[in-house]
Amino acid sequence: MKILMLFLICLIILGPTLAENSYAQTTAATKNGDSKVTGATEPEDFKATGAQKAQKPLKVYLQLQIRNSDGKLLAYFEPTVLYIYHPALIDQYLDTKPKSIITKDGERFEQIHFKESGTFGTYHAMAQYRMMYSVDDTPVSLLTLVHDGYYVLPRDTFTASWTVIRSAR
């Protein structure tokens, strides 16, 4: 009980101090004397250009099915963790896919739906699926969706059903 009380007292005393400058934040004084918390600066490679800042975000949905060589469903994923690497190339790639126009709250969007399928040739673990595009005969990863890990065997198959929604052009 004494240890718990000591821990709570330390937490009350040190808590605000430890939380104030977390995640590389710094405190800076403003002109009127107030303090303002600012974040760490981004490396130049990760700074968005004006066009990227104005671009509305994509809504990307993936349904990934893994089946064994007999066609039995082994795994089904709908990943939600998304990393976008090349926004301009994504638009270029999506422009090659058939699309339909939908309207939501008076705003027009393009809905792009397509499938990819294939057969695995080796035994390995997977925990992500990528949207790939070929630029000058070089495969480029456009985005990655992360999901729970699973093992695949040679001759297992996959079907990836993509749905992407973006502002209409």
N, C-alpha and C. Protein backbone atom coordinates (compact mmCIF):
# COMPACT_ATOMS: atom_id res chain seq x y z
N MET A 1 0.82 -1.19 0.00
CA MET A 1 0.00 0.00 0.00
C MET A 1 0.87 1.26 0.00
N LYS A 2 1.97 1.21 0.78
CA LYS A 2 2.86 2.37 0.84
C LYS A 2 3.51 2.63 -0.51
N ILE A 3 3.85 1.55 -1.21
CA ILE A 3 4.47 1.69 -2.53
C ILE A 3 3.49 2.33 -3.51
N LEU A 4 2.23 1.93 -3.44
CA LEU A 4 1.21 2.50 -4.31
C LEU A 4 1.03 3.99 -4.03
N MET A 5 0.99 4.38 -2.75
CA MET A 5 0.85 5.79 -2.39
C MET A 5 2.06 6.59 -2.87
N LEU A 6 3.25 6.05 -2.70
CA LEU A 6 4.46 6.72 -3.16
C LEU A 6 4.43 6.90 -4.68
N PHE A 7 4.00 5.86 -5.39
CA PHE A 7 3.90 5.93 -6.85
C PHE A 7 2.91 7.02 -7.27
N LEU A 8 1.74 7.07 -6.63
CA LEU A 8 0.73 8.08 -6.97
C LEU A 8 1.24 9.50 -6.70
N ILE A 9 1.95 9.70 -5.59
CA ILE A 9 2.49 11.02 -5.28
C ILE A 9 3.52 11.42 -6.33
N CYS A 10 4.41 10.50 -6.72
CA CYS A 10 5.40 10.79 -7.76
C CYS A 10 4.73 11.09 -9.09
N LEU A 11 3.68 10.35 -9.40
CA LEU A 11 2.95 10.56 -10.65
C LEU A 11 2.30 11.94 -10.67
N ILE A 12 1.73 12.35 -9.56
CA ILE A 12 1.07 13.66 -9.48
C ILE A 12 2.11 14.78 -9.60
N ILE A 13 3.24 14.60 -8.97
CA ILE A 13 4.27 15.64 -9.00
C ILE A 13 5.00 15.68 -10.34
N LEU A 14 5.39 14.53 -10.88
CA LEU A 14 6.20 14.48 -12.09
C LEU A 14 5.38 14.38 -13.38
N GLY A 15 4.14 13.96 -13.28
CA GLY A 15 3.30 13.75 -14.46
C GLY A 15 3.24 14.94 -15.40
N PRO A 16 2.86 16.11 -14.91
CA PRO A 16 2.79 17.28 -15.81
C PRO A 16 4.14 17.63 -16.44
N THR A 17 5.21 17.46 -15.69
CA THR A 17 6.54 17.77 -16.22
C THR A 17 6.92 16.82 -17.35
N LEU A 18 6.64 15.54 -17.17
CA LEU A 18 7.01 14.55 -18.18
C LEU A 18 6.14 14.66 -19.42
N ALA A 19 4.90 15.03 -19.28
CA ALA A 19 3.98 15.08 -20.41
C ALA A 19 4.12 16.37 -21.21
N GLU A 20 4.72 17.40 -20.63
CA GLU A 20 4.76 18.70 -21.28
C GLU A 20 5.52 18.71 -22.60
N ASN A 21 6.65 18.05 -22.68
CA ASN A 21 7.49 18.10 -23.87
C ASN A 21 7.67 16.72 -24.49
N SER A 22 6.61 15.99 -24.64
CA SER A 22 6.73 14.65 -25.20
C SER A 22 6.79 14.70 -26.72
N TYR A 23 7.31 13.63 -27.31
CA TYR A 23 7.38 13.46 -28.75
C TYR A 23 8.10 14.61 -29.45
N ALA A 24 9.22 15.01 -28.94
CA ALA A 24 10.08 16.02 -29.54
C ALA A 24 9.40 17.39 -29.65
N GLN A 25 8.47 17.66 -28.75
CA GLN A 25 7.84 18.97 -28.74
C GLN A 25 8.68 19.93 -27.91
N THR A 26 8.61 21.18 -28.28
CA THR A 26 9.30 22.21 -27.51
C THR A 26 8.32 23.30 -27.16
N THR A 27 8.62 24.04 -26.13
CA THR A 27 7.77 25.14 -25.73
C THR A 27 8.45 26.43 -26.16
N ALA A 28 7.70 27.29 -26.86
CA ALA A 28 8.24 28.56 -27.32
C ALA A 28 7.34 29.67 -26.83
N ALA A 29 7.93 30.82 -26.50
CA ALA A 29 7.14 31.96 -26.05
C ALA A 29 6.62 32.73 -27.26
N THR A 30 5.36 33.16 -27.19
CA THR A 30 4.78 33.97 -28.26
C THR A 30 4.98 35.44 -27.92
N LYS A 31 4.58 36.34 -28.83
CA LYS A 31 4.79 37.77 -28.62
C LYS A 31 4.07 38.29 -27.39
N ASN A 32 2.89 37.71 -27.07
CA ASN A 32 2.15 38.22 -25.92
C ASN A 32 2.54 37.52 -24.62
N GLY A 33 3.62 36.71 -24.64
CA GLY A 33 4.11 36.09 -23.43
C GLY A 33 3.55 34.71 -23.15
N ASP A 34 2.52 34.29 -23.90
CA ASP A 34 1.98 32.95 -23.71
C ASP A 34 2.98 31.93 -24.25
N SER A 35 2.88 30.72 -23.75
CA SER A 35 3.75 29.68 -24.29
C SER A 35 2.98 28.88 -25.33
N LYS A 36 3.70 28.39 -26.31
CA LYS A 36 3.11 27.64 -27.42
C LYS A 36 3.93 26.39 -27.63
N VAL A 37 3.27 25.23 -27.76
CA VAL A 37 3.96 23.98 -27.99
C VAL A 37 4.12 23.78 -29.48
N THR A 38 5.33 23.51 -29.91
CA THR A 38 5.59 23.26 -31.33
C THR A 38 6.21 21.89 -31.48
N GLY A 39 5.96 21.25 -32.61
CA GLY A 39 6.49 19.91 -32.86
C GLY A 39 7.85 19.97 -33.50
N ALA A 40 8.45 18.81 -33.60
CA ALA A 40 9.74 18.69 -34.27
C ALA A 40 9.57 18.96 -35.76
N THR A 41 10.59 19.43 -36.40
CA THR A 41 10.51 19.71 -37.82
C THR A 41 10.60 18.42 -38.62
N GLU A 42 9.97 18.43 -39.80
CA GLU A 42 10.02 17.27 -40.69
C GLU A 42 11.27 17.32 -41.53
N PRO A 43 11.84 16.18 -41.88
CA PRO A 43 12.94 16.18 -42.84
C PRO A 43 12.43 16.69 -44.19
N GLU A 44 13.30 17.26 -44.98
CA GLU A 44 12.91 17.81 -46.27
C GLU A 44 12.19 16.79 -47.15
N ASP A 45 12.61 15.51 -47.09
CA ASP A 45 12.00 14.48 -47.93
C ASP A 45 10.53 14.28 -47.65
N PHE A 46 10.08 14.61 -46.43
CA PHE A 46 8.71 14.33 -46.03
C PHE A 46 7.80 15.55 -46.06
N LYS A 47 8.34 16.71 -46.41
CA LYS A 47 7.50 17.89 -46.46
C LYS A 47 6.62 17.85 -47.70
N ALA A 48 5.33 18.11 -47.51
CA ALA A 48 4.38 18.09 -48.61
C ALA A 48 4.53 19.36 -49.44
N THR A 49 4.39 19.21 -50.73
CA THR A 49 4.41 20.37 -51.62
C THR A 49 3.04 21.04 -51.55
N GLY A 50 2.91 22.21 -52.14
CA GLY A 50 1.64 22.91 -52.15
C GLY A 50 0.53 22.08 -52.79
N ALA A 51 0.86 21.39 -53.87
CA ALA A 51 -0.14 20.56 -54.55
C ALA A 51 -0.56 19.39 -53.66
N GLN A 52 0.37 18.80 -52.92
CA GLN A 52 0.03 17.68 -52.05
C GLN A 52 -0.80 18.14 -50.86
N LYS A 53 -0.53 19.35 -50.34
CA LYS A 53 -1.32 19.85 -49.22
C LYS A 53 -2.75 20.12 -49.66
N ALA A 54 -2.95 20.60 -50.89
CA ALA A 54 -4.28 20.90 -51.38
C ALA A 54 -5.03 19.64 -51.78
N GLN A 55 -4.33 18.56 -52.04
CA GLN A 55 -4.96 17.32 -52.47
C GLN A 55 -5.78 16.72 -51.34
N LYS A 56 -7.00 16.32 -51.65
CA LYS A 56 -7.84 15.69 -50.64
C LYS A 56 -7.40 14.25 -50.46
N PRO A 57 -7.52 13.75 -49.25
CA PRO A 57 -7.04 12.40 -49.00
C PRO A 57 -7.85 11.33 -49.73
N LEU A 58 -7.17 10.23 -50.00
CA LEU A 58 -7.82 9.07 -50.61
C LEU A 58 -8.49 8.25 -49.52
N LYS A 59 -9.54 7.60 -49.87
CA LYS A 59 -10.13 6.56 -49.03
C LYS A 59 -9.78 5.25 -49.72
N VAL A 60 -9.02 4.41 -49.07
CA VAL A 60 -8.56 3.17 -49.68
C VAL A 60 -9.08 2.00 -48.85
N TYR A 61 -9.76 1.08 -49.53
CA TYR A 61 -10.28 -0.12 -48.89
C TYR A 61 -9.73 -1.33 -49.62
N LEU A 62 -9.30 -2.33 -48.86
CA LEU A 62 -8.76 -3.55 -49.45
C LEU A 62 -9.40 -4.75 -48.75
N GLN A 63 -9.89 -5.67 -49.54
CA GLN A 63 -10.36 -6.96 -49.04
C GLN A 63 -9.41 -8.00 -49.63
N LEU A 64 -8.68 -8.68 -48.75
CA LEU A 64 -7.66 -9.62 -49.18
C LEU A 64 -8.05 -11.03 -48.73
N GLN A 65 -8.19 -11.94 -49.71
CA GLN A 65 -8.53 -13.33 -49.43
C GLN A 65 -7.34 -14.21 -49.79
N ILE A 66 -7.01 -15.12 -48.88
CA ILE A 66 -5.95 -16.10 -49.12
C ILE A 66 -6.61 -17.48 -49.11
N ARG A 67 -6.38 -18.26 -50.17
CA ARG A 67 -6.94 -19.61 -50.26
C ARG A 67 -5.82 -20.61 -50.50
N ASN A 68 -6.04 -21.84 -50.03
CA ASN A 68 -5.04 -22.88 -50.29
C ASN A 68 -5.23 -23.42 -51.69
N SER A 69 -4.41 -24.39 -52.09
CA SER A 69 -4.45 -24.91 -53.46
C SER A 69 -5.77 -25.64 -53.75
N ASP A 70 -6.51 -26.03 -52.70
CA ASP A 70 -7.82 -26.67 -52.89
C ASP A 70 -8.96 -25.65 -52.95
N GLY A 71 -8.65 -24.38 -52.79
CA GLY A 71 -9.67 -23.34 -52.84
C GLY A 71 -10.29 -23.02 -51.50
N LYS A 72 -9.84 -23.65 -50.43
CA LYS A 72 -10.38 -23.40 -49.08
C LYS A 72 -9.86 -22.06 -48.56
N LEU A 73 -10.77 -21.24 -48.04
CA LEU A 73 -10.39 -19.93 -47.50
C LEU A 73 -9.54 -20.10 -46.25
N LEU A 74 -8.33 -19.54 -46.27
CA LEU A 74 -7.42 -19.61 -45.13
C LEU A 74 -7.43 -18.34 -44.30
N ALA A 75 -7.52 -17.20 -44.98
CA ALA A 75 -7.45 -15.92 -44.27
C ALA A 75 -8.23 -14.87 -45.06
N TYR A 76 -8.82 -13.94 -44.32
CA TYR A 76 -9.53 -12.81 -44.91
C TYR A 76 -9.15 -11.58 -44.10
N PHE A 77 -8.68 -10.54 -44.80
CA PHE A 77 -8.23 -9.33 -44.13
C PHE A 77 -8.87 -8.11 -44.77
N GLU A 78 -9.17 -7.11 -43.93
CA GLU A 78 -9.54 -5.78 -44.38
C GLU A 78 -8.63 -4.81 -43.61
N PRO A 79 -7.40 -4.63 -44.09
CA PRO A 79 -6.44 -3.81 -43.34
C PRO A 79 -6.86 -2.34 -43.28
N THR A 80 -6.48 -1.69 -42.19
CA THR A 80 -6.85 -0.28 -42.00
C THR A 80 -5.64 0.64 -41.83
N VAL A 81 -4.45 0.09 -41.64
CA VAL A 81 -3.25 0.92 -41.48
C VAL A 81 -2.65 1.14 -42.87
N LEU A 82 -2.57 2.39 -43.27
CA LEU A 82 -2.20 2.75 -44.64
C LEU A 82 -0.99 3.69 -44.64
N TYR A 83 -0.02 3.38 -45.50
CA TYR A 83 1.14 4.24 -45.72
C TYR A 83 1.18 4.60 -47.20
N ILE A 84 1.13 5.89 -47.51
CA ILE A 84 1.17 6.36 -48.90
C ILE A 84 2.57 6.90 -49.17
N TYR A 85 3.20 6.38 -50.24
CA TYR A 85 4.57 6.79 -50.56
C TYR A 85 4.65 7.81 -51.70
N HIS A 86 3.83 7.65 -52.73
CA HIS A 86 3.93 8.49 -53.92
C HIS A 86 2.54 8.96 -54.36
N PRO A 87 2.02 10.05 -53.76
CA PRO A 87 0.66 10.51 -54.11
C PRO A 87 0.48 10.81 -55.60
N ALA A 88 1.45 11.44 -56.23
CA ALA A 88 1.31 11.78 -57.65
C ALA A 88 1.25 10.52 -58.51
N LEU A 89 2.06 9.53 -58.19
CA LEU A 89 2.04 8.28 -58.95
C LEU A 89 0.77 7.48 -58.70
N ILE A 90 0.21 7.60 -57.49
CA ILE A 90 -1.07 6.92 -57.22
C ILE A 90 -2.13 7.46 -58.16
N ASP A 91 -2.21 8.78 -58.30
CA ASP A 91 -3.19 9.36 -59.22
C ASP A 91 -2.95 8.88 -60.65
N GLN A 92 -1.70 8.84 -61.07
CA GLN A 92 -1.37 8.37 -62.41
C GLN A 92 -1.81 6.92 -62.60
N TYR A 93 -1.56 6.08 -61.60
CA TYR A 93 -1.95 4.67 -61.67
C TYR A 93 -3.48 4.52 -61.67
N LEU A 94 -4.15 5.25 -60.78
CA LEU A 94 -5.61 5.14 -60.70
C LEU A 94 -6.30 5.66 -61.95
N ASP A 95 -5.66 6.59 -62.65
CA ASP A 95 -6.24 7.09 -63.91
C ASP A 95 -6.34 5.99 -64.97
N THR A 96 -5.58 4.90 -64.81
CA THR A 96 -5.64 3.80 -65.78
C THR A 96 -6.76 2.81 -65.47
N LYS A 97 -7.44 2.97 -64.34
CA LYS A 97 -8.48 2.04 -63.90
C LYS A 97 -9.87 2.59 -64.21
N PRO A 98 -10.84 1.68 -64.47
CA PRO A 98 -12.22 2.15 -64.69
C PRO A 98 -12.78 2.75 -63.40
N LYS A 99 -13.61 3.76 -63.56
CA LYS A 99 -14.15 4.46 -62.40
C LYS A 99 -15.60 4.84 -62.62
N SER A 100 -16.29 5.07 -61.53
CA SER A 100 -17.65 5.59 -61.59
C SER A 100 -17.70 6.83 -60.70
N ILE A 101 -18.68 7.69 -60.96
CA ILE A 101 -18.84 8.92 -60.20
C ILE A 101 -19.95 8.73 -59.18
N ILE A 102 -19.67 9.08 -57.94
CA ILE A 102 -20.68 9.07 -56.90
C ILE A 102 -20.75 10.47 -56.29
N THR A 103 -21.88 10.81 -55.68
CA THR A 103 -22.05 12.11 -55.06
C THR A 103 -22.43 11.91 -53.60
N LYS A 104 -21.73 12.62 -52.72
CA LYS A 104 -22.02 12.56 -51.30
C LYS A 104 -22.02 13.98 -50.75
N ASP A 105 -23.10 14.38 -50.13
CA ASP A 105 -23.25 15.72 -49.56
C ASP A 105 -22.93 16.80 -50.59
N GLY A 106 -23.38 16.58 -51.83
CA GLY A 106 -23.20 17.55 -52.90
C GLY A 106 -21.81 17.57 -53.52
N GLU A 107 -20.89 16.75 -53.03
CA GLU A 107 -19.54 16.70 -53.58
C GLU A 107 -19.38 15.44 -54.42
N ARG A 108 -18.71 15.60 -55.58
CA ARG A 108 -18.52 14.48 -56.51
C ARG A 108 -17.20 13.75 -56.22
N PHE A 109 -17.28 12.42 -56.25
CA PHE A 109 -16.11 11.58 -56.01
C PHE A 109 -16.01 10.53 -57.10
N GLU A 110 -14.78 10.10 -57.36
CA GLU A 110 -14.55 8.95 -58.23
C GLU A 110 -14.43 7.72 -57.36
N GLN A 111 -15.15 6.68 -57.73
CA GLN A 111 -15.01 5.39 -57.05
C GLN A 111 -14.34 4.44 -58.02
N ILE A 112 -13.20 3.94 -57.63
CA ILE A 112 -12.39 3.07 -58.48
C ILE A 112 -12.34 1.69 -57.82
N HIS A 113 -12.78 0.69 -58.56
CA HIS A 113 -12.81 -0.67 -58.02
C HIS A 113 -12.08 -1.59 -58.99
N PHE A 114 -11.12 -2.36 -58.48
CA PHE A 114 -10.42 -3.32 -59.32
C PHE A 114 -9.91 -4.47 -58.46
N LYS A 115 -9.57 -5.58 -59.11
CA LYS A 115 -9.08 -6.77 -58.42
C LYS A 115 -7.72 -7.17 -58.95
N GLU A 116 -6.95 -7.79 -58.06
CA GLU A 116 -5.68 -8.41 -58.42
C GLU A 116 -5.72 -9.82 -57.86
N SER A 117 -5.12 -10.75 -58.58
CA SER A 117 -5.07 -12.12 -58.07
C SER A 117 -3.77 -12.76 -58.52
N GLY A 118 -3.39 -13.81 -57.82
CA GLY A 118 -2.16 -14.49 -58.16
C GLY A 118 -1.94 -15.71 -57.30
N THR A 119 -0.83 -16.37 -57.54
CA THR A 119 -0.45 -17.58 -56.82
C THR A 119 0.92 -17.37 -56.19
N PHE A 120 1.06 -17.76 -54.93
CA PHE A 120 2.34 -17.65 -54.24
C PHE A 120 3.26 -18.78 -54.69
N GLY A 121 4.53 -18.48 -54.85
CA GLY A 121 5.49 -19.47 -55.31
C GLY A 121 6.40 -20.00 -54.22
N THR A 122 6.43 -19.32 -53.07
CA THR A 122 7.33 -19.73 -52.00
C THR A 122 6.59 -19.70 -50.66
N TYR A 123 7.17 -20.39 -49.69
CA TYR A 123 6.68 -20.36 -48.32
C TYR A 123 7.25 -19.11 -47.65
N HIS A 124 6.38 -18.26 -47.11
CA HIS A 124 6.86 -17.08 -46.39
C HIS A 124 5.73 -16.48 -45.55
N ALA A 125 6.11 -15.59 -44.66
CA ALA A 125 5.14 -14.87 -43.83
C ALA A 125 4.87 -13.51 -44.48
N MET A 126 3.62 -13.08 -44.40
CA MET A 126 3.25 -11.77 -44.93
C MET A 126 2.45 -11.02 -43.88
N ALA A 127 2.65 -9.69 -43.80
CA ALA A 127 1.88 -8.87 -42.87
C ALA A 127 1.54 -7.53 -43.51
N GLN A 128 1.67 -7.46 -44.84
CA GLN A 128 1.34 -6.23 -45.56
C GLN A 128 1.01 -6.56 -47.01
N TYR A 129 0.29 -5.66 -47.64
CA TYR A 129 0.00 -5.81 -49.06
C TYR A 129 0.22 -4.46 -49.71
N ARG A 130 0.83 -4.45 -50.87
CA ARG A 130 1.21 -3.20 -51.52
C ARG A 130 0.49 -2.99 -52.84
N MET A 131 0.23 -1.74 -53.14
CA MET A 131 -0.24 -1.35 -54.47
C MET A 131 1.02 -0.98 -55.24
N MET A 132 1.27 -1.71 -56.32
CA MET A 132 2.50 -1.52 -57.09
C MET A 132 2.18 -0.92 -58.46
N TYR A 133 3.14 -0.19 -59.01
CA TYR A 133 3.01 0.44 -60.32
C TYR A 133 4.37 0.38 -60.99
N SER A 134 4.39 0.16 -62.28
CA SER A 134 5.64 0.09 -63.02
C SER A 134 5.96 1.44 -63.66
N VAL A 135 7.12 1.98 -63.32
CA VAL A 135 7.58 3.24 -63.90
C VAL A 135 8.89 2.93 -64.60
N ASP A 136 8.91 3.09 -65.92
CA ASP A 136 10.09 2.77 -66.73
C ASP A 136 10.57 1.35 -66.46
N ASP A 137 9.64 0.41 -66.44
CA ASP A 137 9.90 -1.02 -66.20
C ASP A 137 10.50 -1.30 -64.82
N THR A 138 10.34 -0.37 -63.89
CA THR A 138 10.80 -0.57 -62.52
C THR A 138 9.58 -0.58 -61.60
N PRO A 139 9.36 -1.64 -60.83
CA PRO A 139 8.21 -1.65 -59.93
C PRO A 139 8.40 -0.65 -58.79
N VAL A 140 7.35 0.13 -58.53
CA VAL A 140 7.37 1.15 -57.48
C VAL A 140 6.21 0.87 -56.53
N SER A 141 6.49 0.85 -55.24
CA SER A 141 5.44 0.67 -54.24
C SER A 141 4.75 2.02 -54.03
N LEU A 142 3.46 2.08 -54.35
CA LEU A 142 2.70 3.32 -54.21
C LEU A 142 2.18 3.50 -52.80
N LEU A 143 1.65 2.43 -52.25
CA LEU A 143 1.14 2.47 -50.89
C LEU A 143 1.19 1.07 -50.30
N THR A 144 1.15 1.00 -49.00
CA THR A 144 1.18 -0.27 -48.28
C THR A 144 0.06 -0.28 -47.25
N LEU A 145 -0.66 -1.39 -47.20
CA LEU A 145 -1.66 -1.62 -46.16
C LEU A 145 -1.12 -2.73 -45.26
N VAL A 146 -1.12 -2.48 -43.96
CA VAL A 146 -0.58 -3.42 -42.99
C VAL A 146 -1.73 -4.19 -42.35
N HIS A 147 -1.52 -5.48 -42.14
CA HIS A 147 -2.56 -6.34 -41.55
C HIS A 147 -1.90 -7.38 -40.67
N ASP A 148 -2.71 -8.21 -40.04
CA ASP A 148 -2.18 -9.31 -39.22
C ASP A 148 -1.33 -10.21 -40.11
N GLY A 149 -0.31 -10.80 -39.53
CA GLY A 149 0.57 -11.68 -40.29
C GLY A 149 -0.03 -13.05 -40.52
N TYR A 150 0.41 -13.70 -41.58
CA TYR A 150 -0.03 -15.06 -41.91
C TYR A 150 1.05 -15.72 -42.75
N TYR A 151 1.02 -17.03 -42.79
CA TYR A 151 1.98 -17.79 -43.59
C TYR A 151 1.31 -18.30 -44.86
N VAL A 152 2.00 -18.24 -45.96
CA VAL A 152 1.50 -18.79 -47.22
C VAL A 152 2.45 -19.88 -47.68
N LEU A 153 1.89 -20.82 -48.41
CA LEU A 153 2.64 -21.93 -48.97
C LEU A 153 2.65 -21.80 -50.49
N PRO A 154 3.58 -22.46 -51.15
CA PRO A 154 3.53 -22.48 -52.61
C PRO A 154 2.17 -23.03 -53.07
N ARG A 155 1.62 -22.43 -54.10
CA ARG A 155 0.32 -22.75 -54.70
C ARG A 155 -0.87 -22.16 -53.95
N ASP A 156 -0.67 -21.51 -52.78
CA ASP A 156 -1.76 -20.75 -52.18
C ASP A 156 -2.06 -19.58 -53.11
N THR A 157 -3.30 -19.14 -53.13
CA THR A 157 -3.69 -18.04 -54.02
C THR A 157 -4.20 -16.85 -53.21
N PHE A 158 -4.17 -15.69 -53.85
CA PHE A 158 -4.72 -14.50 -53.21
C PHE A 158 -5.62 -13.77 -54.19
N THR A 159 -6.61 -13.08 -53.65
CA THR A 159 -7.46 -12.16 -54.41
C THR A 159 -7.52 -10.88 -53.60
N ALA A 160 -7.10 -9.79 -54.21
CA ALA A 160 -7.13 -8.47 -53.57
C ALA A 160 -8.18 -7.63 -54.29
N SER A 161 -9.22 -7.25 -53.56
CA SER A 161 -10.27 -6.39 -54.12
C SER A 161 -10.07 -4.98 -53.56
N TRP A 162 -9.70 -4.08 -54.45
CA TRP A 162 -9.44 -2.69 -54.07
C TRP A 162 -10.66 -1.83 -54.36
N THR A 163 -10.95 -0.89 -53.46
CA THR A 163 -11.90 0.18 -53.70
C THR A 163 -11.23 1.46 -53.24
N VAL A 164 -11.11 2.42 -54.13
CA VAL A 164 -10.47 3.69 -53.82
C VAL A 164 -11.46 4.79 -54.15
N ILE A 165 -11.62 5.73 -53.22
CA ILE A 165 -12.51 6.87 -53.45
C ILE A 165 -11.66 8.13 -53.33
N ARG A 166 -11.76 8.97 -54.35
CA ARG A 166 -11.02 10.24 -54.35
C ARG A 166 -11.91 11.30 -54.97
N SER A 167 -11.55 12.56 -54.75
CA SER A 167 -12.32 13.67 -55.32
C SER A 167 -12.34 13.56 -56.83
N ALA A 168 -13.50 13.88 -57.42
CA ALA A 168 -13.62 13.81 -58.88
C ALA A 168 -12.79 14.91 -59.51
N ARG A 169 -12.25 14.59 -60.67
CA ARG A 169 -11.40 15.53 -61.40
C ARG A 169 -12.21 16.29 -62.41
